[in-house]
Amino acid sequence: MSTIRVAVVDDHPIFREGVASCLMDIGGYDIVGKGGSCEDALAIAQQANPDVMLLDISLPGGGLNAVASILDRRPAQKIIILTVSESHSDIATALKLGAKGYVLKGVGSRMLSEILRAVHGGEMYLSPTLSARMIAGLSHAPSSTGSAGVGELTEREHAVLRLVAAGLSNKRIARDLDLHEKTIKHHLTRIFTKLNVSNRTEAAMVFRDAGQRARPYVG
């Protein structure tokens, strides 16, 4: 298992140290930076070059401002928002700015580790409860081309999309469908093309608007 270089930026020292400690106990992580402000996040991104940064929104200077500034200078930096905020606006803004994940602080350490590895591997992650709420609350409708594309999906692609809309990661979907994770990624590429979308959230929106119902997430 490869070692992932992680930075933890949160203005609560006890929480910050707790996250770092839990990841070190799990193993496979190198904590390369810890900070408590937007300024700290920028400095860590530039100087420590983490593979993934865990970043709270409620930081002095603004966590979302940090996302924008970091990705403006280092577009390849992978950022996961780890916060208590369930605000639709915060979620939408974070994802629009380029964050690769949005996770609530109630997440367990093992699940956080799984999310980190998924994002490090190129996936995006949105907590299932937030994903369902966001999809339901989005006011704009996807293109008719996308909705029509649901009918063009194979039975397997439809099954994959249903689980994506339920908030499962590629790893979880592969386990659920008894497939290899690389096969799931291949299916997603074809699904995105058929639906004329560019990411998982848009695909889930199309699924919802096509009148489908996602299977409830089982952790």
N, C-alpha and C. Protein backbone atom coordinates (compact mmCIF):
# COMPACT_ATOMS: atom_id res chain seq x y z
N MET A 1 0.85 -1.19 0.00
CA MET A 1 0.00 0.00 0.00
C MET A 1 0.89 1.25 0.00
N SER A 2 0.64 2.15 -0.93
CA SER A 2 1.46 3.36 -1.03
C SER A 2 1.15 4.32 0.11
N THR A 3 2.17 5.07 0.52
CA THR A 3 1.99 6.07 1.58
C THR A 3 1.46 7.36 0.98
N ILE A 4 0.41 7.91 1.57
CA ILE A 4 -0.21 9.14 1.09
C ILE A 4 0.23 10.29 1.98
N ARG A 5 0.72 11.35 1.36
CA ARG A 5 1.15 12.54 2.09
C ARG A 5 -0.07 13.43 2.33
N VAL A 6 -0.40 13.63 3.60
CA VAL A 6 -1.63 14.34 3.97
C VAL A 6 -1.32 15.59 4.80
N ALA A 7 -2.08 16.65 4.53
CA ALA A 7 -2.03 17.85 5.36
C ALA A 7 -3.41 18.02 6.01
N VAL A 8 -3.42 18.46 7.26
CA VAL A 8 -4.67 18.66 7.99
C VAL A 8 -4.73 20.12 8.43
N VAL A 9 -5.75 20.84 7.93
CA VAL A 9 -5.89 22.27 8.26
C VAL A 9 -7.24 22.49 8.91
N ASP A 10 -7.23 22.81 10.20
CA ASP A 10 -8.45 23.02 10.98
C ASP A 10 -8.10 23.95 12.13
N ASP A 11 -8.99 24.88 12.45
CA ASP A 11 -8.65 25.87 13.48
C ASP A 11 -8.86 25.36 14.90
N HIS A 12 -9.30 24.09 15.05
CA HIS A 12 -9.41 23.50 16.38
C HIS A 12 -8.24 22.53 16.58
N PRO A 13 -7.24 22.90 17.38
CA PRO A 13 -6.04 22.07 17.55
C PRO A 13 -6.32 20.64 17.98
N ILE A 14 -7.27 20.45 18.89
CA ILE A 14 -7.55 19.09 19.37
C ILE A 14 -8.09 18.22 18.24
N PHE A 15 -9.01 18.78 17.45
CA PHE A 15 -9.56 18.01 16.32
C PHE A 15 -8.47 17.73 15.30
N ARG A 16 -7.68 18.74 15.01
CA ARG A 16 -6.60 18.61 14.02
C ARG A 16 -5.62 17.52 14.42
N GLU A 17 -5.21 17.54 15.69
CA GLU A 17 -4.27 16.54 16.17
C GLU A 17 -4.91 15.16 16.21
N GLY A 18 -6.22 15.13 16.52
CA GLY A 18 -6.92 13.85 16.56
C GLY A 18 -6.99 13.18 15.21
N VAL A 19 -7.30 13.96 14.17
CA VAL A 19 -7.35 13.41 12.81
C VAL A 19 -5.98 12.88 12.40
N ALA A 20 -4.97 13.68 12.65
CA ALA A 20 -3.60 13.28 12.29
C ALA A 20 -3.21 11.99 13.02
N SER A 21 -3.53 11.93 14.29
CA SER A 21 -3.18 10.76 15.09
C SER A 21 -3.90 9.50 14.61
N CYS A 22 -5.20 9.65 14.29
CA CYS A 22 -5.97 8.50 13.81
C CYS A 22 -5.41 7.96 12.50
N LEU A 23 -5.04 8.84 11.60
CA LEU A 23 -4.50 8.41 10.31
C LEU A 23 -3.15 7.73 10.49
N MET A 24 -2.35 8.24 11.38
CA MET A 24 -1.04 7.62 11.66
C MET A 24 -1.23 6.23 12.27
N ASP A 25 -2.24 6.10 13.14
CA ASP A 25 -2.51 4.80 13.76
C ASP A 25 -2.97 3.78 12.73
N ILE A 26 -3.77 4.22 11.75
CA ILE A 26 -4.24 3.33 10.69
C ILE A 26 -3.07 2.87 9.84
N GLY A 27 -2.16 3.78 9.56
CA GLY A 27 -0.97 3.46 8.76
C GLY A 27 -1.16 3.77 7.30
N GLY A 28 -0.06 4.03 6.63
CA GLY A 28 -0.11 4.33 5.21
C GLY A 28 -0.22 5.82 4.92
N TYR A 29 -0.03 6.64 5.97
CA TYR A 29 -0.14 8.09 5.81
C TYR A 29 1.08 8.78 6.41
N ASP A 30 1.49 9.83 5.75
CA ASP A 30 2.57 10.68 6.25
C ASP A 30 1.98 12.07 6.42
N ILE A 31 1.85 12.54 7.65
CA ILE A 31 1.29 13.87 7.90
C ILE A 31 2.38 14.90 7.65
N VAL A 32 2.27 15.60 6.54
CA VAL A 32 3.35 16.52 6.12
C VAL A 32 3.09 17.96 6.50
N GLY A 33 1.90 18.25 7.03
CA GLY A 33 1.61 19.62 7.43
C GLY A 33 0.34 19.71 8.25
N LYS A 34 0.35 20.62 9.23
CA LYS A 34 -0.83 20.89 10.05
C LYS A 34 -0.93 22.39 10.23
N GLY A 35 -2.14 22.92 10.13
CA GLY A 35 -2.32 24.35 10.28
C GLY A 35 -3.72 24.70 10.72
N GLY A 36 -3.95 26.01 10.98
CA GLY A 36 -5.24 26.42 11.52
C GLY A 36 -5.85 27.62 10.85
N SER A 37 -5.34 28.01 9.67
CA SER A 37 -5.87 29.20 8.99
C SER A 37 -5.71 29.08 7.49
N CYS A 38 -6.37 30.00 6.79
CA CYS A 38 -6.24 30.06 5.33
C CYS A 38 -4.79 30.28 4.94
N GLU A 39 -4.12 31.14 5.66
CA GLU A 39 -2.71 31.43 5.38
C GLU A 39 -1.85 30.18 5.57
N ASP A 40 -2.15 29.42 6.64
CA ASP A 40 -1.41 28.17 6.87
C ASP A 40 -1.62 27.20 5.72
N ALA A 41 -2.87 27.10 5.25
CA ALA A 41 -3.20 26.17 4.16
C ALA A 41 -2.40 26.49 2.91
N LEU A 42 -2.31 27.78 2.58
CA LEU A 42 -1.56 28.20 1.40
C LEU A 42 -0.08 27.86 1.54
N ALA A 43 0.47 28.13 2.72
CA ALA A 43 1.89 27.87 2.95
C ALA A 43 2.19 26.37 2.89
N ILE A 44 1.32 25.57 3.49
CA ILE A 44 1.53 24.12 3.49
C ILE A 44 1.45 23.55 2.08
N ALA A 45 0.48 24.02 1.31
CA ALA A 45 0.34 23.54 -0.07
C ALA A 45 1.59 23.84 -0.88
N GLN A 46 2.14 25.03 -0.68
CA GLN A 46 3.31 25.43 -1.45
C GLN A 46 4.58 24.74 -0.97
N GLN A 47 4.74 24.61 0.33
CA GLN A 47 6.00 24.13 0.88
C GLN A 47 6.06 22.63 1.12
N ALA A 48 4.92 22.03 1.52
CA ALA A 48 4.93 20.61 1.88
C ALA A 48 4.48 19.71 0.74
N ASN A 49 3.77 20.28 -0.24
CA ASN A 49 3.32 19.52 -1.41
C ASN A 49 2.59 18.22 -1.03
N PRO A 50 1.49 18.33 -0.25
CA PRO A 50 0.77 17.12 0.15
C PRO A 50 0.03 16.49 -1.03
N ASP A 51 -0.17 15.17 -0.96
CA ASP A 51 -0.99 14.51 -1.98
C ASP A 51 -2.45 14.93 -1.83
N VAL A 52 -2.91 14.98 -0.58
CA VAL A 52 -4.29 15.36 -0.28
C VAL A 52 -4.28 16.30 0.93
N MET A 53 -5.11 17.33 0.86
CA MET A 53 -5.26 18.24 2.00
C MET A 53 -6.67 18.13 2.55
N LEU A 54 -6.77 17.89 3.87
CA LEU A 54 -8.05 17.94 4.58
C LEU A 54 -8.21 19.35 5.09
N LEU A 55 -9.31 20.00 4.72
CA LEU A 55 -9.45 21.43 4.97
C LEU A 55 -10.84 21.77 5.51
N ASP A 56 -10.89 22.48 6.63
CA ASP A 56 -12.17 22.93 7.17
C ASP A 56 -12.60 24.22 6.48
N ILE A 57 -13.91 24.45 6.42
CA ILE A 57 -14.41 25.69 5.84
C ILE A 57 -14.26 26.85 6.81
N SER A 58 -14.51 26.57 8.10
CA SER A 58 -14.53 27.63 9.11
C SER A 58 -13.11 27.93 9.60
N LEU A 59 -12.33 28.53 8.74
CA LEU A 59 -10.96 28.90 9.09
C LEU A 59 -10.82 30.41 9.12
N PRO A 60 -9.94 30.96 9.95
CA PRO A 60 -9.60 32.38 9.82
C PRO A 60 -9.10 32.65 8.40
N GLY A 61 -9.71 33.58 7.74
CA GLY A 61 -9.37 33.86 6.36
C GLY A 61 -10.27 33.15 5.37
N GLY A 62 -11.04 32.17 5.85
CA GLY A 62 -12.01 31.49 4.99
C GLY A 62 -11.48 30.25 4.31
N GLY A 63 -12.06 29.10 4.62
CA GLY A 63 -11.62 27.86 4.00
C GLY A 63 -11.87 27.82 2.51
N LEU A 64 -13.00 28.36 2.08
CA LEU A 64 -13.30 28.37 0.64
C LEU A 64 -12.34 29.30 -0.10
N ASN A 65 -11.94 30.38 0.55
CA ASN A 65 -10.93 31.26 -0.05
C ASN A 65 -9.61 30.51 -0.22
N ALA A 66 -9.32 29.65 0.75
CA ALA A 66 -8.09 28.86 0.67
C ALA A 66 -8.14 27.90 -0.50
N VAL A 67 -9.30 27.26 -0.71
CA VAL A 67 -9.46 26.34 -1.84
C VAL A 67 -9.17 27.06 -3.14
N ALA A 68 -9.80 28.22 -3.31
CA ALA A 68 -9.63 28.98 -4.55
C ALA A 68 -8.17 29.39 -4.76
N SER A 69 -7.53 29.89 -3.72
CA SER A 69 -6.15 30.36 -3.85
C SER A 69 -5.18 29.21 -4.10
N ILE A 70 -5.38 28.10 -3.39
CA ILE A 70 -4.48 26.95 -3.56
C ILE A 70 -4.57 26.40 -4.98
N LEU A 71 -5.80 26.20 -5.46
CA LEU A 71 -5.97 25.60 -6.78
C LEU A 71 -5.61 26.56 -7.91
N ASP A 72 -5.62 27.84 -7.62
CA ASP A 72 -5.17 28.81 -8.61
C ASP A 72 -3.66 28.67 -8.83
N ARG A 73 -2.95 28.34 -7.76
CA ARG A 73 -1.50 28.20 -7.83
C ARG A 73 -1.07 26.76 -8.10
N ARG A 74 -1.86 25.81 -7.57
CA ARG A 74 -1.51 24.39 -7.73
C ARG A 74 -2.76 23.62 -8.16
N PRO A 75 -3.13 23.69 -9.44
CA PRO A 75 -4.37 23.09 -9.93
C PRO A 75 -4.52 21.59 -9.67
N ALA A 76 -3.41 20.91 -9.52
CA ALA A 76 -3.46 19.46 -9.32
C ALA A 76 -3.65 19.06 -7.85
N GLN A 77 -3.61 20.04 -6.94
CA GLN A 77 -3.75 19.72 -5.52
C GLN A 77 -5.14 19.13 -5.23
N LYS A 78 -5.18 18.01 -4.54
CA LYS A 78 -6.45 17.38 -4.17
C LYS A 78 -6.84 17.83 -2.77
N ILE A 79 -8.04 18.40 -2.68
CA ILE A 79 -8.53 18.95 -1.42
C ILE A 79 -9.84 18.27 -1.03
N ILE A 80 -9.91 17.83 0.21
CA ILE A 80 -11.16 17.30 0.77
C ILE A 80 -11.62 18.25 1.86
N ILE A 81 -12.83 18.76 1.73
CA ILE A 81 -13.41 19.59 2.77
C ILE A 81 -13.89 18.68 3.89
N LEU A 82 -13.43 18.93 5.12
CA LEU A 82 -13.84 18.17 6.29
C LEU A 82 -14.42 19.18 7.28
N THR A 83 -15.74 19.18 7.43
CA THR A 83 -16.41 20.29 8.11
C THR A 83 -17.70 19.85 8.79
N VAL A 84 -18.28 20.76 9.57
CA VAL A 84 -19.60 20.50 10.15
C VAL A 84 -20.69 21.14 9.30
N SER A 85 -20.31 21.96 8.34
CA SER A 85 -21.29 22.69 7.53
C SER A 85 -22.02 21.78 6.55
N GLU A 86 -23.34 21.78 6.62
CA GLU A 86 -24.17 21.05 5.68
C GLU A 86 -24.87 22.00 4.71
N SER A 87 -24.38 23.23 4.65
CA SER A 87 -24.98 24.24 3.79
C SER A 87 -24.88 23.87 2.31
N HIS A 88 -26.02 23.91 1.63
CA HIS A 88 -26.04 23.63 0.19
C HIS A 88 -25.10 24.57 -0.55
N SER A 89 -25.07 25.83 -0.12
CA SER A 89 -24.21 26.82 -0.77
C SER A 89 -22.74 26.48 -0.59
N ASP A 90 -22.36 26.06 0.63
CA ASP A 90 -20.96 25.70 0.89
C ASP A 90 -20.54 24.50 0.05
N ILE A 91 -21.43 23.50 -0.02
CA ILE A 91 -21.12 22.29 -0.79
C ILE A 91 -20.93 22.65 -2.27
N ALA A 92 -21.91 23.37 -2.81
CA ALA A 92 -21.87 23.72 -4.23
C ALA A 92 -20.64 24.56 -4.56
N THR A 93 -20.33 25.53 -3.69
CA THR A 93 -19.18 26.40 -3.93
C THR A 93 -17.87 25.62 -3.86
N ALA A 94 -17.75 24.75 -2.86
CA ALA A 94 -16.53 23.96 -2.71
C ALA A 94 -16.28 23.09 -3.93
N LEU A 95 -17.33 22.42 -4.41
CA LEU A 95 -17.17 21.55 -5.57
C LEU A 95 -16.89 22.36 -6.84
N LYS A 96 -17.56 23.50 -6.95
CA LYS A 96 -17.35 24.36 -8.12
C LYS A 96 -15.92 24.89 -8.16
N LEU A 97 -15.38 25.19 -6.99
CA LEU A 97 -14.00 25.70 -6.92
C LEU A 97 -12.97 24.63 -7.23
N GLY A 98 -13.37 23.36 -7.08
CA GLY A 98 -12.45 22.28 -7.43
C GLY A 98 -12.10 21.31 -6.33
N ALA A 99 -12.75 21.41 -5.16
CA ALA A 99 -12.52 20.43 -4.10
C ALA A 99 -12.93 19.05 -4.60
N LYS A 100 -12.20 18.03 -4.24
CA LYS A 100 -12.47 16.67 -4.71
C LYS A 100 -13.34 15.87 -3.75
N GLY A 101 -13.61 16.43 -2.57
CA GLY A 101 -14.45 15.73 -1.63
C GLY A 101 -15.07 16.69 -0.63
N TYR A 102 -16.21 16.29 -0.07
CA TYR A 102 -16.89 17.10 0.95
C TYR A 102 -17.42 16.12 1.98
N VAL A 103 -16.86 16.16 3.18
CA VAL A 103 -17.14 15.15 4.21
C VAL A 103 -17.48 15.84 5.53
N LEU A 104 -18.47 15.30 6.23
CA LEU A 104 -18.86 15.85 7.52
C LEU A 104 -17.97 15.28 8.62
N LYS A 105 -17.74 16.06 9.66
CA LYS A 105 -16.80 15.70 10.71
C LYS A 105 -17.22 14.49 11.54
N GLY A 106 -18.45 14.06 11.43
CA GLY A 106 -18.87 12.88 12.16
C GLY A 106 -18.36 11.58 11.58
N VAL A 107 -17.65 11.64 10.48
CA VAL A 107 -17.16 10.43 9.81
C VAL A 107 -16.16 9.69 10.70
N GLY A 108 -16.19 8.35 10.64
CA GLY A 108 -15.25 7.56 11.41
C GLY A 108 -13.87 7.55 10.77
N SER A 109 -12.87 7.20 11.55
CA SER A 109 -11.49 7.25 11.05
C SER A 109 -11.26 6.28 9.90
N ARG A 110 -11.83 5.08 9.97
CA ARG A 110 -11.65 4.09 8.90
C ARG A 110 -12.31 4.57 7.61
N MET A 111 -13.49 5.16 7.74
CA MET A 111 -14.18 5.67 6.56
C MET A 111 -13.41 6.85 5.96
N LEU A 112 -12.88 7.71 6.83
CA LEU A 112 -12.09 8.84 6.34
C LEU A 112 -10.88 8.33 5.58
N SER A 113 -10.25 7.27 6.08
CA SER A 113 -9.11 6.68 5.40
C SER A 113 -9.51 6.17 4.01
N GLU A 114 -10.67 5.52 3.94
CA GLU A 114 -11.14 5.01 2.66
C GLU A 114 -11.42 6.15 1.68
N ILE A 115 -11.98 7.24 2.20
CA ILE A 115 -12.27 8.41 1.37
C ILE A 115 -10.97 9.03 0.86
N LEU A 116 -10.00 9.15 1.74
CA LEU A 116 -8.69 9.71 1.35
C LEU A 116 -8.08 8.90 0.22
N ARG A 117 -8.12 7.59 0.34
CA ARG A 117 -7.52 6.74 -0.69
C ARG A 117 -8.32 6.82 -2.00
N ALA A 118 -9.63 6.96 -1.89
CA ALA A 118 -10.45 7.09 -3.10
C ALA A 118 -10.12 8.38 -3.84
N VAL A 119 -10.03 9.49 -3.09
CA VAL A 119 -9.72 10.78 -3.71
C VAL A 119 -8.29 10.78 -4.25
N HIS A 120 -7.37 10.21 -3.50
CA HIS A 120 -5.99 10.12 -3.96
C HIS A 120 -5.91 9.32 -5.26
N GLY A 121 -6.83 8.35 -5.41
CA GLY A 121 -6.86 7.53 -6.61
C GLY A 121 -7.59 8.15 -7.79
N GLY A 122 -8.10 9.37 -7.60
CA GLY A 122 -8.73 10.07 -8.72
C GLY A 122 -10.23 10.20 -8.65
N GLU A 123 -10.85 9.68 -7.57
CA GLU A 123 -12.30 9.78 -7.44
C GLU A 123 -12.70 11.09 -6.77
N MET A 124 -13.99 11.40 -6.88
CA MET A 124 -14.57 12.49 -6.09
C MET A 124 -15.46 11.84 -5.04
N TYR A 125 -15.67 12.54 -3.91
CA TYR A 125 -16.49 11.97 -2.85
C TYR A 125 -17.35 13.05 -2.20
N LEU A 126 -18.63 12.73 -2.06
CA LEU A 126 -19.56 13.58 -1.35
C LEU A 126 -20.34 12.69 -0.40
N SER A 127 -20.36 13.04 0.89
CA SER A 127 -21.06 12.22 1.87
C SER A 127 -22.46 11.88 1.37
N PRO A 128 -22.86 10.62 1.46
CA PRO A 128 -24.14 10.18 0.89
C PRO A 128 -25.34 11.01 1.30
N THR A 129 -25.45 11.38 2.57
CA THR A 129 -26.61 12.17 3.01
C THR A 129 -26.60 13.54 2.35
N LEU A 130 -25.42 14.12 2.18
CA LEU A 130 -25.31 15.41 1.52
C LEU A 130 -25.58 15.29 0.03
N SER A 131 -25.13 14.19 -0.56
CA SER A 131 -25.34 13.96 -1.99
C SER A 131 -26.82 13.91 -2.30
N ALA A 132 -27.56 13.14 -1.51
CA ALA A 132 -29.00 13.01 -1.75
C ALA A 132 -29.70 14.36 -1.57
N ARG A 133 -29.30 15.10 -0.54
CA ARG A 133 -29.92 16.39 -0.26
C ARG A 133 -29.59 17.39 -1.37
N MET A 134 -28.35 17.37 -1.83
CA MET A 134 -27.94 18.32 -2.86
C MET A 134 -28.63 18.04 -4.18
N ILE A 135 -28.68 16.77 -4.54
CA ILE A 135 -29.34 16.40 -5.80
C ILE A 135 -30.81 16.79 -5.78
N ALA A 136 -31.46 16.55 -4.64
CA ALA A 136 -32.88 16.87 -4.52
C ALA A 136 -33.12 18.37 -4.55
N GLY A 137 -32.14 19.14 -4.05
CA GLY A 137 -32.35 20.57 -3.94
C GLY A 137 -31.86 21.39 -5.12
N LEU A 138 -31.16 20.77 -6.05
CA LEU A 138 -30.66 21.54 -7.19
C LEU A 138 -31.80 22.03 -8.05
N SER A 139 -31.81 23.31 -8.34
CA SER A 139 -32.93 23.90 -9.05
C SER A 139 -32.80 23.82 -10.56
N HIS A 140 -31.56 23.75 -11.07
CA HIS A 140 -31.42 23.73 -12.53
C HIS A 140 -31.51 22.29 -13.03
N ALA A 141 -32.09 22.12 -14.17
CA ALA A 141 -32.28 20.78 -14.73
C ALA A 141 -31.18 20.47 -15.73
N PRO A 142 -30.70 19.24 -15.79
CA PRO A 142 -29.72 18.86 -16.80
C PRO A 142 -30.34 18.92 -18.18
N SER A 143 -29.51 18.83 -19.19
CA SER A 143 -30.01 18.90 -20.56
C SER A 143 -30.88 17.71 -20.88
N SER A 144 -31.79 17.91 -21.82
CA SER A 144 -32.67 16.82 -22.23
C SER A 144 -31.86 15.70 -22.84
N THR A 145 -30.72 16.06 -23.45
CA THR A 145 -29.85 15.04 -24.03
C THR A 145 -29.38 14.08 -22.97
N GLY A 146 -29.01 14.64 -21.79
CA GLY A 146 -28.55 13.80 -20.70
C GLY A 146 -29.65 12.89 -20.20
N SER A 147 -30.85 13.43 -19.99
CA SER A 147 -31.96 12.62 -19.50
C SER A 147 -32.30 11.51 -20.48
N ALA A 148 -32.28 11.84 -21.76
CA ALA A 148 -32.59 10.84 -22.78
C ALA A 148 -31.53 9.75 -22.79
N GLY A 149 -30.30 10.11 -22.41
CA GLY A 149 -29.21 9.15 -22.44
C GLY A 149 -29.36 8.02 -21.45
N VAL A 150 -30.18 8.21 -20.40
CA VAL A 150 -30.39 7.14 -19.43
C VAL A 150 -30.96 5.91 -20.11
N GLY A 151 -31.81 6.13 -21.11
CA GLY A 151 -32.42 5.01 -21.83
C GLY A 151 -31.43 4.26 -22.70
N GLU A 152 -30.27 4.87 -22.96
CA GLU A 152 -29.25 4.23 -23.79
C GLU A 152 -28.27 3.39 -22.98
N LEU A 153 -28.39 3.46 -21.65
CA LEU A 153 -27.47 2.72 -20.80
C LEU A 153 -27.75 1.22 -20.84
N THR A 154 -26.69 0.44 -20.75
CA THR A 154 -26.86 -1.00 -20.63
C THR A 154 -27.38 -1.32 -19.23
N GLU A 155 -27.79 -2.55 -19.01
CA GLU A 155 -28.28 -2.93 -17.69
C GLU A 155 -27.21 -2.74 -16.63
N ARG A 156 -25.97 -3.09 -16.97
CA ARG A 156 -24.87 -2.93 -16.02
C ARG A 156 -24.58 -1.46 -15.74
N GLU A 157 -24.57 -0.63 -16.79
CA GLU A 157 -24.32 0.79 -16.62
C GLU A 157 -25.41 1.43 -15.77
N HIS A 158 -26.64 0.98 -15.97
CA HIS A 158 -27.75 1.50 -15.18
C HIS A 158 -27.56 1.15 -13.71
N ALA A 159 -27.10 -0.06 -13.43
CA ALA A 159 -26.86 -0.48 -12.05
C ALA A 159 -25.76 0.36 -11.41
N VAL A 160 -24.70 0.63 -12.18
CA VAL A 160 -23.61 1.46 -11.67
C VAL A 160 -24.11 2.87 -11.37
N LEU A 161 -24.88 3.45 -12.29
CA LEU A 161 -25.38 4.80 -12.10
C LEU A 161 -26.31 4.89 -10.89
N ARG A 162 -27.10 3.87 -10.68
CA ARG A 162 -28.02 3.85 -9.53
C ARG A 162 -27.23 3.92 -8.22
N LEU A 163 -26.11 3.22 -8.16
CA LEU A 163 -25.29 3.22 -6.96
C LEU A 163 -24.49 4.52 -6.81
N VAL A 164 -24.10 5.11 -7.94
CA VAL A 164 -23.46 6.43 -7.90
C VAL A 164 -24.42 7.45 -7.29
N ALA A 165 -25.68 7.41 -7.74
CA ALA A 165 -26.68 8.34 -7.24
C ALA A 165 -26.98 8.11 -5.77
N ALA A 166 -26.70 6.90 -5.28
CA ALA A 166 -26.90 6.60 -3.86
C ALA A 166 -25.72 7.04 -3.01
N GLY A 167 -24.66 7.53 -3.66
CA GLY A 167 -23.53 8.08 -2.93
C GLY A 167 -22.38 7.14 -2.69
N LEU A 168 -22.36 5.98 -3.34
CA LEU A 168 -21.29 5.01 -3.11
C LEU A 168 -20.04 5.38 -3.91
N SER A 169 -18.88 5.08 -3.35
CA SER A 169 -17.61 5.27 -4.04
C SER A 169 -17.42 4.15 -5.06
N ASN A 170 -16.45 4.32 -5.95
CA ASN A 170 -16.17 3.27 -6.93
C ASN A 170 -15.82 1.95 -6.25
N LYS A 171 -15.06 2.04 -5.16
CA LYS A 171 -14.66 0.83 -4.44
C LYS A 171 -15.88 0.11 -3.89
N ARG A 172 -16.82 0.86 -3.32
CA ARG A 172 -18.03 0.26 -2.76
C ARG A 172 -18.92 -0.32 -3.87
N ILE A 173 -18.99 0.39 -4.99
CA ILE A 173 -19.80 -0.10 -6.11
C ILE A 173 -19.23 -1.41 -6.64
N ALA A 174 -17.91 -1.45 -6.78
CA ALA A 174 -17.25 -2.66 -7.26
C ALA A 174 -17.54 -3.84 -6.33
N ARG A 175 -17.49 -3.57 -5.04
CA ARG A 175 -17.77 -4.62 -4.06
C ARG A 175 -19.24 -5.07 -4.15
N ASP A 176 -20.13 -4.10 -4.32
CA ASP A 176 -21.57 -4.40 -4.38
C ASP A 176 -21.93 -5.21 -5.61
N LEU A 177 -21.27 -4.90 -6.72
CA LEU A 177 -21.60 -5.57 -7.99
C LEU A 177 -20.64 -6.72 -8.31
N ASP A 178 -19.71 -6.97 -7.41
CA ASP A 178 -18.74 -8.05 -7.59
C ASP A 178 -17.93 -7.84 -8.88
N LEU A 179 -17.41 -6.62 -9.05
CA LEU A 179 -16.61 -6.27 -10.21
C LEU A 179 -15.29 -5.66 -9.74
N HIS A 180 -14.35 -5.53 -10.67
CA HIS A 180 -13.10 -4.85 -10.36
C HIS A 180 -13.34 -3.34 -10.38
N GLU A 181 -12.59 -2.61 -9.56
CA GLU A 181 -12.75 -1.17 -9.50
C GLU A 181 -12.44 -0.51 -10.85
N LYS A 182 -11.46 -1.06 -11.58
CA LYS A 182 -11.14 -0.51 -12.90
C LYS A 182 -12.31 -0.67 -13.87
N THR A 183 -13.07 -1.75 -13.70
CA THR A 183 -14.25 -1.97 -14.54
C THR A 183 -15.30 -0.90 -14.26
N ILE A 184 -15.46 -0.53 -12.98
CA ILE A 184 -16.42 0.51 -12.62
C ILE A 184 -16.02 1.84 -13.26
N LYS A 185 -14.72 2.15 -13.23
CA LYS A 185 -14.25 3.39 -13.85
C LYS A 185 -14.52 3.39 -15.34
N HIS A 186 -14.37 2.23 -15.99
CA HIS A 186 -14.65 2.12 -17.42
C HIS A 186 -16.14 2.37 -17.68
N HIS A 187 -16.99 1.77 -16.85
CA HIS A 187 -18.43 1.98 -17.01
C HIS A 187 -18.78 3.46 -16.83
N LEU A 188 -18.16 4.11 -15.85
CA LEU A 188 -18.46 5.52 -15.60
C LEU A 188 -18.07 6.39 -16.78
N THR A 189 -16.95 6.07 -17.41
CA THR A 189 -16.53 6.83 -18.58
C THR A 189 -17.60 6.75 -19.68
N ARG A 190 -18.12 5.55 -19.90
CA ARG A 190 -19.16 5.36 -20.91
C ARG A 190 -20.47 6.04 -20.49
N ILE A 191 -20.78 5.98 -19.21
CA ILE A 191 -22.00 6.62 -18.70
C ILE A 191 -21.93 8.13 -18.89
N PHE A 192 -20.80 8.73 -18.53
CA PHE A 192 -20.64 10.18 -18.67
C PHE A 192 -20.81 10.60 -20.13
N THR A 193 -20.25 9.79 -21.03
CA THR A 193 -20.36 10.10 -22.46
C THR A 193 -21.81 10.02 -22.93
N LYS A 194 -22.51 8.97 -22.55
CA LYS A 194 -23.90 8.79 -22.98
C LYS A 194 -24.83 9.85 -22.40
N LEU A 195 -24.54 10.30 -21.18
CA LEU A 195 -25.40 11.29 -20.53
C LEU A 195 -24.97 12.72 -20.81
N ASN A 196 -23.84 12.87 -21.50
CA ASN A 196 -23.32 14.20 -21.81
C ASN A 196 -23.05 15.01 -20.55
N VAL A 197 -22.40 14.37 -19.56
CA VAL A 197 -22.04 15.02 -18.31
C VAL A 197 -20.54 14.83 -18.08
N SER A 198 -20.01 15.53 -17.07
CA SER A 198 -18.57 15.47 -16.84
C SER A 198 -18.18 14.94 -15.47
N ASN A 199 -19.16 14.71 -14.59
CA ASN A 199 -18.80 14.20 -13.26
C ASN A 199 -19.95 13.42 -12.63
N ARG A 200 -19.69 12.85 -11.45
CA ARG A 200 -20.64 11.98 -10.77
C ARG A 200 -21.90 12.72 -10.32
N THR A 201 -21.72 13.95 -9.82
CA THR A 201 -22.88 14.71 -9.35
C THR A 201 -23.84 15.00 -10.49
N GLU A 202 -23.32 15.41 -11.65
CA GLU A 202 -24.17 15.68 -12.79
C GLU A 202 -24.87 14.41 -13.26
N ALA A 203 -24.15 13.29 -13.24
CA ALA A 203 -24.75 12.01 -13.64
C ALA A 203 -25.89 11.65 -12.70
N ALA A 204 -25.69 11.86 -11.39
CA ALA A 204 -26.74 11.56 -10.41
C ALA A 204 -27.95 12.46 -10.62
N MET A 205 -27.72 13.71 -10.99
CA MET A 205 -28.82 14.64 -11.28
C MET A 205 -29.64 14.14 -12.46
N VAL A 206 -28.95 13.68 -13.50
CA VAL A 206 -29.64 13.16 -14.67
C VAL A 206 -30.49 11.94 -14.28
N PHE A 207 -29.91 11.08 -13.47
CA PHE A 207 -30.62 9.88 -13.00
C PHE A 207 -31.90 10.28 -12.26
N ARG A 208 -31.79 11.28 -11.37
CA ARG A 208 -32.95 11.76 -10.62
C ARG A 208 -34.02 12.34 -11.54
N ASP A 209 -33.56 13.18 -12.48
CA ASP A 209 -34.52 13.85 -13.36
C ASP A 209 -35.14 12.91 -14.38
N ALA A 210 -34.50 11.76 -14.59
CA ALA A 210 -35.08 10.78 -15.52
C ALA A 210 -36.13 9.92 -14.82
N GLY A 211 -36.39 10.22 -13.54
CA GLY A 211 -37.44 9.52 -12.83
C GLY A 211 -37.01 8.24 -12.17
N GLN A 212 -35.66 8.07 -12.01
CA GLN A 212 -35.16 6.88 -11.37
C GLN A 212 -35.10 7.10 -9.86
N ARG A 213 -34.91 6.04 -9.11
CA ARG A 213 -34.77 6.16 -7.65
C ARG A 213 -33.53 5.41 -7.20
N ALA A 214 -32.65 6.14 -6.50
CA ALA A 214 -31.40 5.55 -6.06
C ALA A 214 -31.63 4.62 -4.88
N ARG A 215 -30.87 3.54 -4.84
CA ARG A 215 -30.91 2.64 -3.71
C ARG A 215 -30.34 3.32 -2.49
N PRO A 216 -30.98 3.22 -1.32
CA PRO A 216 -30.45 3.83 -0.11
C PRO A 216 -29.05 3.32 0.18
N TYR A 217 -28.22 4.22 0.67
CA TYR A 217 -26.82 3.87 0.98
C TYR A 217 -26.78 3.00 2.22
N VAL A 218 -25.96 1.96 2.16
CA VAL A 218 -25.74 1.11 3.31
C VAL A 218 -24.26 1.17 3.64
N GLY A 219 -23.92 1.71 4.78
CA GLY A 219 -22.50 1.88 5.13
C GLY A 219 -21.89 0.57 5.56
